């Protein structure tokens, strides 16, 4: 399935940052929020473009990541990310907006929704970060355990001993990236299909620090918007946290049985089918 139009790229100036934006398709608009925090939109491609049939899909690099860089001394917090999103929704005249949040982007979508309930019209969460700090800590433990598995450790040893770093640096970097994200997948070998990305560590750290010992469950329960939560059965983010989020939102909950944290890569056709039935389109 191909998008109906070629991608458009532009920049939006918001106070002290220029936000890089990419849009594709025509029709009702859905804003997609990438994960991280501190990452960029690219690694959701090309799969998310398959949603741009009968609708417009807009993605942007969040403040401090990718092509939306900021000065090193600028403090990036969850509040600044929510403020940026609110400004873009208003500038584009999309209120109440349809938001699709992936991973950290799912938590950002939740934070945006409880902070600006009048600006949210429809909410889709894919592999969402937990709504509590306790849930996030459970995820970190599970992911760490996976990354220490015998199979991933052996693959790392093989890479270090392969001589690939010297003979083919680009291939070495690609393989090192695949191993760095292998624990997110049901099948670690599937990580080769994920578009590589980089995290801006200081931005990631400052955002998590700003959240502290967060718990937004009560606020979520007060929202009244159509909601969908999609989660892989084998996601290191505990499935119980995603189920709780769906329950609090009184939304639909879809489990992808053969996916980990990256269902748009692991079960692309089913992922597109589920989102396509929920997001507004012509």
C-alpha atoms as a PDB file:
ATOM      1  CA  UNK A   1       0.000   0.000   0.000  1.00  0.00           C
ATOM      2  CA  UNK A   2       1.399   3.381  -0.967  1.00  0.00           C
ATOM      3  CA  UNK A   3       0.605   6.850   0.277  1.00  0.00           C
ATOM      4  CA  UNK A   4      -1.507   8.968  -2.036  1.00  0.00           C
ATOM      5  CA  UNK A   5       0.890  11.917  -2.182  1.00  0.00           C
ATOM      6  CA  UNK A   6       4.600  12.563  -1.905  1.00  0.00           C
ATOM      7  CA  UNK A   7       5.822  13.597   1.561  1.00  0.00           C
ATOM      8  CA  UNK A   8       6.042  17.308   2.395  1.00  0.00           C
ATOM      9  CA  UNK A   9       8.634  18.678   4.805  1.00  0.00           C
ATOM     10  CA  UNK A  10       8.704  22.048   6.524  1.00  0.00           C
ATOM     11  CA  UNK A  11       9.623  23.835   9.736  1.00  0.00           C
ATOM     12  CA  UNK A  12       7.504  25.502  12.390  1.00  0.00           C
ATOM     13  CA  UNK A  13       9.080  28.204  14.580  1.00  0.00           C
ATOM     14  CA  UNK A  14       7.909  27.929  18.188  1.00  0.00           C
ATOM     15  CA  UNK A  15       9.509  30.501  20.462  1.00  0.00           C
ATOM     16  CA  UNK A  16      13.025  29.118  21.005  1.00  0.00           C
ATOM     17  CA  UNK A  17      12.965  26.083  18.687  1.00  0.00           C
ATOM     18  CA  UNK A  18      12.380  25.289  15.019  1.00  0.00           C
ATOM     19  CA  UNK A  19      10.351  22.095  14.767  1.00  0.00           C
ATOM     20  CA  UNK A  20      10.950  19.820  11.778  1.00  0.00           C
ATOM     21  CA  UNK A  21       7.658  18.517  10.356  1.00  0.00           C
ATOM     22  CA  UNK A  22       6.794  15.860   7.779  1.00  0.00           C
ATOM     23  CA  UNK A  23       3.353  15.320   6.289  1.00  0.00           C
ATOM     24  CA  UNK A  24       2.016  12.766   3.825  1.00  0.00           C
ATOM     25  CA  UNK A  25      -1.388  11.991   2.359  1.00  0.00           C
ATOM     26  CA  UNK A  26      -4.589  14.001   2.064  1.00  0.00           C
ATOM     27  CA  UNK A  27      -7.768  14.080   4.100  1.00  0.00           C
ATOM     28  CA  UNK A  28      -8.469  14.279   7.850  1.00  0.00           C
ATOM     29  CA  UNK A  29      -5.260  14.761   9.823  1.00  0.00           C
ATOM     30  CA  UNK A  30      -3.744  12.497  12.465  1.00  0.00           C
ATOM     31  CA  UNK A  31      -0.650  13.666  14.340  1.00  0.00           C
ATOM     32  CA  UNK A  32       1.822  10.879  15.119  1.00  0.00           C
ATOM     33  CA  UNK A  33       4.151  11.241  18.114  1.00  0.00           C
ATOM     34  CA  UNK A  34       7.396   9.263  18.039  1.00  0.00           C
ATOM     35  CA  UNK A  35       9.030   7.593  21.006  1.00  0.00           C
ATOM     36  CA  UNK A  36      12.162   8.257  22.969  1.00  0.00           C
ATOM     37  CA  UNK A  37      12.121  10.737  24.523  1.00  0.00           C
ATOM     38  CA  UNK A  38      14.941  12.409  22.625  1.00  0.00           C
ATOM     39  CA  UNK A  39      14.481  10.415  19.406  1.00  0.00           C
ATOM     40  CA  UNK A  40      13.068  11.512  16.034  1.00  0.00           C
ATOM     41  CA  UNK A  41      10.275  10.523  13.675  1.00  0.00           C
ATOM     42  CA  UNK A  42      12.315   8.618  11.055  1.00  0.00           C
ATOM     43  CA  UNK A  43      12.232   5.202  12.696  1.00  0.00           C
ATOM     44  CA  UNK A  44       8.449   5.029  12.353  1.00  0.00           C
ATOM     45  CA  UNK A  45       8.988   4.951   8.592  1.00  0.00           C
ATOM     46  CA  UNK A  46       8.157   3.544   6.164  1.00  0.00           C
ATOM     47  CA  UNK A  47       5.401   1.606   7.914  1.00  0.00           C
ATOM     48  CA  UNK A  48       3.418   4.550   9.326  1.00  0.00           C
ATOM     49  CA  UNK A  49       3.080   6.002   5.821  1.00  0.00           C
ATOM     50  CA  UNK A  50       0.747   3.111   5.076  1.00  0.00           C
ATOM     51  CA  UNK A  51      -1.829   4.904   7.220  1.00  0.00           C
ATOM     52  CA  UNK A  52      -1.848   7.867   4.804  1.00  0.00           C
ATOM     53  CA  UNK A  53      -4.642   6.527   2.620  1.00  0.00           C
ATOM     54  CA  UNK A  54      -7.686   8.793   2.818  1.00  0.00           C
ATOM     55  CA  UNK A  55      -6.030  10.826   5.571  1.00  0.00           C
ATOM     56  CA  UNK A  56      -3.055  13.076   6.278  1.00  0.00           C
ATOM     57  CA  UNK A  57      -0.361  11.777   8.610  1.00  0.00           C
ATOM     58  CA  UNK A  58       1.792  14.464  10.223  1.00  0.00           C
ATOM     59  CA  UNK A  59       4.922  13.628  12.188  1.00  0.00           C
ATOM     60  CA  UNK A  60       7.474  15.961  13.718  1.00  0.00           C
ATOM     61  CA  UNK A  61      10.790  15.709  15.512  1.00  0.00           C
ATOM     62  CA  UNK A  62      10.061  16.641  19.111  1.00  0.00           C
ATOM     63  CA  UNK A  63      12.044  19.433  20.715  1.00  0.00           C
ATOM     64  CA  UNK A  64      15.651  18.379  21.324  1.00  0.00           C
ATOM     65  CA  UNK A  65      15.672  15.378  18.977  1.00  0.00           C
ATOM     66  CA  UNK A  66      16.496  14.778  15.327  1.00  0.00           C
ATOM     67  CA  UNK A  67      16.170  17.905  13.225  1.00  0.00           C
ATOM     68  CA  UNK A  68      14.558  19.913  16.044  1.00  0.00           C
ATOM     69  CA  UNK A  69      17.782  20.494  17.943  1.00  0.00           C
ATOM     70  CA  UNK A  70      18.090  22.942  20.832  1.00  0.00           C
ATOM     71  CA  UNK A  71      21.024  24.481  22.681  1.00  0.00           C
ATOM     72  CA  UNK A  72      22.689  22.194  25.196  1.00  0.00           C
ATOM     73  CA  UNK A  73      21.753  24.476  28.076  1.00  0.00           C
ATOM     74  CA  UNK A  74      18.032  24.450  27.203  1.00  0.00           C
ATOM     75  CA  UNK A  75      16.037  22.445  29.742  1.00  0.00           C
ATOM     76  CA  UNK A  76      13.616  20.160  27.905  1.00  0.00           C
ATOM     77  CA  UNK A  77      10.787  18.831  30.068  1.00  0.00           C
ATOM     78  CA  UNK A  78       7.500  17.044  29.608  1.00  0.00           C
ATOM     79  CA  UNK A  79       5.807  20.426  29.992  1.00  0.00           C
ATOM     80  CA  UNK A  80       7.755  21.953  27.097  1.00  0.00           C
ATOM     81  CA  UNK A  81       6.878  18.972  24.890  1.00  0.00           C
ATOM     82  CA  UNK A  82       3.189  19.312  25.753  1.00  0.00           C
ATOM     83  CA  UNK A  83       3.349  23.058  25.133  1.00  0.00           C
ATOM     84  CA  UNK A  84       4.907  22.481  21.698  1.00  0.00           C
ATOM     85  CA  UNK A  85       2.212  19.988  20.737  1.00  0.00           C
ATOM     86  CA  UNK A  86      -0.568  22.310  21.892  1.00  0.00           C
ATOM     87  CA  UNK A  87       0.932  25.158  19.861  1.00  0.00           C
ATOM     88  CA  UNK A  88       1.118  22.999  16.718  1.00  0.00           C
ATOM     89  CA  UNK A  89      -2.438  21.688  17.101  1.00  0.00           C
ATOM     90  CA  UNK A  90      -3.720  25.242  17.469  1.00  0.00           C
ATOM     91  CA  UNK A  91      -1.576  26.648  14.668  1.00  0.00           C
ATOM     92  CA  UNK A  92      -2.781  23.973  12.265  1.00  0.00           C
ATOM     93  CA  UNK A  93      -6.400  24.450  13.321  1.00  0.00           C
ATOM     94  CA  UNK A  94      -6.812  20.793  14.238  1.00  0.00           C
ATOM     95  CA  UNK A  95      -8.524  21.161  17.601  1.00  0.00           C
ATOM     96  CA  UNK A  96      -9.910  18.814  18.717  1.00  0.00           C
ATOM     97  CA  UNK A  97      -7.018  16.763  17.353  1.00  0.00           C
ATOM     98  CA  UNK A  98      -6.561  13.099  16.528  1.00  0.00           C
ATOM     99  CA  UNK A  99      -3.313  11.992  18.158  1.00  0.00           C
ATOM    100  CA  UNK A 100      -1.418   8.724  17.657  1.00  0.00           C
ATOM    101  CA  UNK A 101       1.297   8.187  20.260  1.00  0.00           C
ATOM    102  CA  UNK A 102       3.938   5.472  20.039  1.00  0.00           C
ATOM    103  CA  UNK A 103       5.931   4.338  23.112  1.00  0.00           C
ATOM    104  CA  UNK A 104       7.083   7.529  24.909  1.00  0.00           C
ATOM    105  CA  UNK A 105       4.894   9.338  22.373  1.00  0.00           C
ATOM    106  CA  UNK A 106       1.968   7.472  23.903  1.00  0.00           C
ATOM    107  CA  UNK A 107       2.752   8.936  27.311  1.00  0.00           C
ATOM    108  CA  UNK A 108       3.234  12.361  25.729  1.00  0.00           C
ATOM    109  CA  UNK A 109      -0.202  11.982  24.120  1.00  0.00           C
ATOM    110  CA  UNK A 110      -1.680  11.132  27.518  1.00  0.00           C
ATOM    111  CA  UNK A 111       0.033  14.082  29.199  1.00  0.00           C
ATOM    112  CA  UNK A 112      -1.181  16.383  26.427  1.00  0.00           C
ATOM    113  CA  UNK A 113      -4.719  15.057  26.746  1.00  0.00           C
ATOM    114  CA  UNK A 114      -5.004  15.511  30.512  1.00  0.00           C
ATOM    115  CA  UNK A 115      -3.370  18.957  30.309  1.00  0.00           C
ATOM    116  CA  UNK A 116      -5.466  20.188  27.362  1.00  0.00           C
ATOM    117  CA  UNK A 117      -8.625  18.058  27.334  1.00  0.00           C
ATOM    118  CA  UNK A 118     -10.412  20.476  25.008  1.00  0.00           C
ATOM    119  CA  UNK A 119      -7.707  20.045  22.364  1.00  0.00           C
ATOM    120  CA  UNK A 120      -7.952  16.247  22.096  1.00  0.00           C
ATOM    121  CA  UNK A 121     -10.648  14.615  19.974  1.00  0.00           C
ATOM    122  CA  UNK A 122      -9.409  11.081  19.415  1.00  0.00           C
ATOM    123  CA  UNK A 123      -6.549   9.166  21.030  1.00  0.00           C
ATOM    124  CA  UNK A 124      -4.665   6.111  19.726  1.00  0.00           C
ATOM    125  CA  UNK A 125      -1.819   4.684  21.814  1.00  0.00           C
ATOM    126  CA  UNK A 126       0.594   2.154  20.329  1.00  0.00           C
ATOM    127  CA  UNK A 127       2.898   0.283  22.734  1.00  0.00           C
ATOM    128  CA  UNK A 128       2.402   3.149  25.196  1.00  0.00           C
ATOM    129  CA  UNK A 129       4.812   3.941  27.993  1.00  0.00           C
ATOM    130  CA  UNK A 130       3.115   3.267  31.342  1.00  0.00           C
ATOM    131  CA  UNK A 131       0.942   5.895  33.010  1.00  0.00           C
ATOM    132  CA  UNK A 132       2.974   5.569  36.237  1.00  0.00           C
ATOM    133  CA  UNK A 133       6.637   5.742  37.161  1.00  0.00           C
ATOM    134  CA  UNK A 134       6.279   2.334  38.846  1.00  0.00           C
ATOM    135  CA  UNK A 135       5.155   0.815  35.562  1.00  0.00           C
ATOM    136  CA  UNK A 136       8.080   2.411  33.769  1.00  0.00           C
ATOM    137  CA  UNK A 137      10.503   0.888  36.294  1.00  0.00           C
ATOM    138  CA  UNK A 138       8.994  -2.546  35.642  1.00  0.00           C
ATOM    139  CA  UNK A 139       9.603  -2.045  31.937  1.00  0.00           C
ATOM    140  CA  UNK A 140      13.230  -1.031  32.498  1.00  0.00           C
ATOM    141  CA  UNK A 141      13.848  -4.194  34.530  1.00  0.00           C
ATOM    142  CA  UNK A 142      12.253  -6.453  31.928  1.00  0.00           C
ATOM    143  CA  UNK A 143      14.135  -4.827  29.070  1.00  0.00           C
ATOM    144  CA  UNK A 144      17.438  -5.084  30.953  1.00  0.00           C
ATOM    145  CA  UNK A 145      16.831  -8.783  31.599  1.00  0.00           C
ATOM    146  CA  UNK A 146      16.147  -9.393  27.911  1.00  0.00           C
ATOM    147  CA  UNK A 147      19.279  -7.558  26.829  1.00  0.00           C
ATOM    148  CA  UNK A 148      21.341  -9.799  29.093  1.00  0.00           C
ATOM    149  CA  UNK A 149      19.988 -12.989  27.506  1.00  0.00           C
ATOM    150  CA  UNK A 150      22.499 -15.572  26.339  1.00  0.00           C
ATOM    151  CA  UNK A 151      21.548 -15.224  22.670  1.00  0.00           C
ATOM    152  CA  UNK A 152      22.020 -11.437  22.559  1.00  0.00           C
ATOM    153  CA  UNK A 153      25.250 -11.651  24.581  1.00  0.00           C
ATOM    154  CA  UNK A 154      26.614 -14.243  22.165  1.00  0.00           C
ATOM    155  CA  UNK A 155      25.649 -12.123  19.151  1.00  0.00           C
ATOM    156  CA  UNK A 156      27.529  -9.183  20.663  1.00  0.00           C
ATOM    157  CA  UNK A 157      30.629 -11.311  21.184  1.00  0.00           C
ATOM    158  CA  UNK A 158      30.452 -12.511  17.600  1.00  0.00           C
ATOM    159  CA  UNK A 159      30.216  -8.938  16.346  1.00  0.00           C
ATOM    160  CA  UNK A 160      33.212  -7.799  18.401  1.00  0.00           C
ATOM    161  CA  UNK A 161      35.303 -10.690  17.097  1.00  0.00           C
ATOM    162  CA  UNK A 162      34.157 -10.408  13.481  1.00  0.00           C
ATOM    163  CA  UNK A 163      36.562  -7.692  12.382  1.00  0.00           C
ATOM    164  CA  UNK A 164      33.604  -5.912  10.807  1.00  0.00           C
ATOM    165  CA  UNK A 165      34.400  -2.667  12.607  1.00  0.00           C
ATOM    166  CA  UNK A 166      37.566  -2.342  10.520  1.00  0.00           C
ATOM    167  CA  UNK A 167      36.474  -4.024   7.283  1.00  0.00           C
ATOM    168  CA  UNK A 168      33.009  -2.457   6.912  1.00  0.00           C
ATOM    169  CA  UNK A 169      32.284   0.279   9.494  1.00  0.00           C
ATOM    170  CA  UNK A 170      28.795   0.976   8.147  1.00  0.00           C
ATOM    171  CA  UNK A 171      27.773  -2.685   8.382  1.00  0.00           C
ATOM    172  CA  UNK A 172      29.242  -2.786  11.874  1.00  0.00           C
ATOM    173  CA  UNK A 173      27.198   0.233  12.969  1.00  0.00           C
ATOM    174  CA  UNK A 174      24.035  -1.292  11.512  1.00  0.00           C
ATOM    175  CA  UNK A 175      24.582  -4.598  13.319  1.00  0.00           C
ATOM    176  CA  UNK A 176      25.438  -2.823  16.574  1.00  0.00           C
ATOM    177  CA  UNK A 177      22.190  -0.853  16.318  1.00  0.00           C
ATOM    178  CA  UNK A 178      20.191  -4.035  15.690  1.00  0.00           C
ATOM    179  CA  UNK A 179      21.637  -5.618  18.810  1.00  0.00           C
ATOM    180  CA  UNK A 180      20.954  -2.484  20.873  1.00  0.00           C
ATOM    181  CA  UNK A 181      17.207  -2.785  20.166  1.00  0.00           C
ATOM    182  CA  UNK A 182      16.884  -6.576  19.918  1.00  0.00           C
ATOM    183  CA  UNK A 183      15.229  -6.833  23.330  1.00  0.00           C
ATOM    184  CA  UNK A 184      12.233  -4.867  22.089  1.00  0.00           C
ATOM    185  CA  UNK A 185      11.231  -7.592  19.626  1.00  0.00           C
ATOM    186  CA  UNK A 186       9.474 -10.917  20.073  1.00  0.00           C
ATOM    187  CA  UNK A 187      12.062 -12.327  17.659  1.00  0.00           C
ATOM    188  CA  UNK A 188      15.378 -10.490  18.194  1.00  0.00           C
ATOM    189  CA  UNK A 189      16.340 -11.275  14.579  1.00  0.00           C
ATOM    190  CA  UNK A 190      13.499  -9.024  13.396  1.00  0.00           C
ATOM    191  CA  UNK A 191      15.368  -5.958  14.631  1.00  0.00           C
ATOM    192  CA  UNK A 192      17.087  -5.679  11.239  1.00  0.00           C
ATOM    193  CA  UNK A 193      13.817  -4.311   9.818  1.00  0.00           C
ATOM    194  CA  UNK A 194      13.712  -1.289  12.139  1.00  0.00           C
ATOM    195  CA  UNK A 195      14.917   2.004  10.648  1.00  0.00           C
ATOM    196  CA  UNK A 196      17.962   3.089  12.714  1.00  0.00           C
ATOM    197  CA  UNK A 197      17.651   6.072  15.039  1.00  0.00           C
ATOM    198  CA  UNK A 198      19.618   7.894  17.696  1.00  0.00           C
ATOM    199  CA  UNK A 199      18.628   9.264  21.071  1.00  0.00           C
ATOM    200  CA  UNK A 200      19.788  12.608  22.426  1.00  0.00           C
ATOM    201  CA  UNK A 201      20.653  11.365  25.897  1.00  0.00           C
ATOM    202  CA  UNK A 202      20.556  14.678  27.754  1.00  0.00           C
ATOM    203  CA  UNK A 203      17.045  15.357  26.431  1.00  0.00           C
ATOM    204  CA  UNK A 204      15.859  11.910  27.412  1.00  0.00           C
ATOM    205  CA  UNK A 205      17.271  12.309  30.904  1.00  0.00           C
ATOM    206  CA  UNK A 206      15.843  15.787  31.457  1.00  0.00           C
ATOM    207  CA  UNK A 207      12.350  14.728  30.421  1.00  0.00           C
ATOM    208  CA  UNK A 208      12.268  11.662  32.667  1.00  0.00           C
ATOM    209  CA  UNK A 209      13.665  13.754  35.510  1.00  0.00           C
ATOM    210  CA  UNK A 210      10.917  16.331  35.016  1.00  0.00           C
ATOM    211  CA  UNK A 211       8.273  13.634  35.379  1.00  0.00           C
ATOM    212  CA  UNK A 212       9.592  12.431  38.721  1.00  0.00           C
ATOM    213  CA  UNK A 213       7.433   9.828  40.467  1.00  0.00           C
ATOM    214  CA  UNK A 214       4.539  10.457  38.099  1.00  0.00           C
ATOM    215  CA  UNK A 215       1.081   8.874  38.176  1.00  0.00           C
ATOM    216  CA  UNK A 216      -1.585  10.237  35.829  1.00  0.00           C
ATOM    217  CA  UNK A 217      -4.167   7.483  36.207  1.00  0.00           C
ATOM    218  CA  UNK A 218      -6.746   9.647  37.946  1.00  0.00           C
ATOM    219  CA  UNK A 219      -6.505  12.288  35.233  1.00  0.00           C
ATOM    220  CA  UNK A 220      -6.862   9.670  32.499  1.00  0.00           C
ATOM    221  CA  UNK A 221     -10.018   8.360  34.109  1.00  0.00           C
ATOM    222  CA  UNK A 222     -11.560  11.841  33.782  1.00  0.00           C
ATOM    223  CA  UNK A 223     -11.040  12.034  30.015  1.00  0.00           C
ATOM    224  CA  UNK A 224     -13.977  11.457  27.708  1.00  0.00           C
ATOM    225  CA  UNK A 225     -12.630  10.802  24.207  1.00  0.00           C
ATOM    226  CA  UNK A 226     -12.697   7.837  21.827  1.00  0.00           C
ATOM    227  CA  UNK A 227      -9.547   5.861  22.616  1.00  0.00           C
ATOM    228  CA  UNK A 228      -7.647   2.851  21.330  1.00  0.00           C
ATOM    229  CA  UNK A 229      -4.672   1.073  22.891  1.00  0.00           C
ATOM    230  CA  UNK A 230      -2.600  -1.355  20.801  1.00  0.00           C
ATOM    231  CA  UNK A 231       0.035  -3.511  22.497  1.00  0.00           C
ATOM    232  CA  UNK A 232       2.233  -6.454  21.585  1.00  0.00           C
ATOM    233  CA  UNK A 233       1.869  -9.595  23.659  1.00  0.00           C
ATOM    234  CA  UNK A 234       5.667  -9.813  24.033  1.00  0.00           C
ATOM    235  CA  UNK A 235       6.392  -6.133  24.698  1.00  0.00           C
ATOM    236  CA  UNK A 236       8.880  -5.528  27.548  1.00  0.00           C
ATOM    237  CA  UNK A 237       6.484  -2.777  28.612  1.00  0.00           C
ATOM    238  CA  UNK A 238       4.174  -4.872  30.811  1.00  0.00           C
ATOM    239  CA  UNK A 239       0.934  -5.625  29.022  1.00  0.00           C
ATOM    240  CA  UNK A 240      -0.910  -5.054  32.299  1.00  0.00           C
ATOM    241  CA  UNK A 241       0.015  -1.366  32.187  1.00  0.00           C
ATOM    242  CA  UNK A 242      -1.420  -1.001  28.682  1.00  0.00           C
ATOM    243  CA  UNK A 243      -4.593  -2.836  29.696  1.00  0.00           C
ATOM    244  CA  UNK A 244      -4.984  -0.505  32.670  1.00  0.00           C
ATOM    245  CA  UNK A 245      -4.546   2.543  30.439  1.00  0.00           C
ATOM    246  CA  UNK A 246      -7.240   1.254  28.079  1.00  0.00           C
ATOM    247  CA  UNK A 247      -9.555   0.577  31.019  1.00  0.00           C
ATOM    248  CA  UNK A 248      -9.051   4.043  32.479  1.00  0.00           C
ATOM    249  CA  UNK A 249      -9.799   5.607  29.096  1.00  0.00           C
ATOM    250  CA  UNK A 250     -12.763   3.274  28.547  1.00  0.00           C
ATOM    251  CA  UNK A 251     -11.193   2.570  25.175  1.00  0.00           C
ATOM    252  CA  UNK A 252     -10.716  -0.409  22.906  1.00  0.00           C
ATOM    253  CA  UNK A 253      -7.759  -2.689  23.566  1.00  0.00           C
ATOM    254  CA  UNK A 254      -6.053  -4.706  20.826  1.00  0.00           C
ATOM    255  CA  UNK A 255      -3.318  -7.291  21.458  1.00  0.00           C
ATOM    256  CA  UNK A 256      -0.922  -8.199  18.669  1.00  0.00           C
ATOM    257  CA  UNK A 257      -0.004 -11.762  19.543  1.00  0.00           C
ATOM    258  CA  UNK A 258       3.210 -11.986  17.510  1.00  0.00           C
ATOM    259  CA  UNK A 259       4.722  -8.617  18.432  1.00  0.00           C
ATOM    260  CA  UNK A 260       6.973  -7.130  21.042  1.00  0.00           C
ATOM    261  CA  UNK A 261       7.333  -3.363  21.365  1.00  0.00           C
ATOM    262  CA  UNK A 262       7.401  -2.649  17.624  1.00  0.00           C
ATOM    263  CA  UNK A 263       4.147  -4.023  16.140  1.00  0.00           C
ATOM    264  CA  UNK A 264       4.310  -1.686  13.152  1.00  0.00           C
ATOM    265  CA  UNK A 265       7.402  -3.659  12.089  1.00  0.00           C
ATOM    266  CA  UNK A 266       6.545  -7.090  13.465  1.00  0.00           C
ATOM    267  CA  UNK A 267       2.905  -7.289  12.298  1.00  0.00           C
ATOM    268  CA  UNK A 268       2.629  -4.445   9.819  1.00  0.00           C
ATOM    269  CA  UNK A 269      -0.542  -5.557   8.033  1.00  0.00           C
ATOM    270  CA  UNK A 270      -2.502  -6.155  11.243  1.00  0.00           C
ATOM    271  CA  UNK A 271      -1.175  -2.926  12.766  1.00  0.00           C
ATOM    272  CA  UNK A 272      -2.338  -0.909   9.752  1.00  0.00           C
ATOM    273  CA  UNK A 273      -5.710  -2.661   9.742  1.00  0.00           C
ATOM    274  CA  UNK A 274      -6.375  -1.820  13.401  1.00  0.00           C
ATOM    275  CA  UNK A 275      -5.301   1.834  13.157  1.00  0.00           C
ATOM    276  CA  UNK A 276      -7.035   2.335   9.814  1.00  0.00           C
ATOM    277  CA  UNK A 277     -10.375   1.335  11.315  1.00  0.00           C
ATOM    278  CA  UNK A 278      -9.985   3.838  14.176  1.00  0.00           C
ATOM    279  CA  UNK A 279      -8.491   6.958  12.617  1.00  0.00           C
ATOM    280  CA  UNK A 280     -10.750   9.385  10.695  1.00  0.00           C
ATOM    281  CA  UNK A 281     -10.475   9.191   6.901  1.00  0.00           C
ATOM    282  CA  UNK A 282     -12.299  10.263   3.754  1.00  0.00           C
END
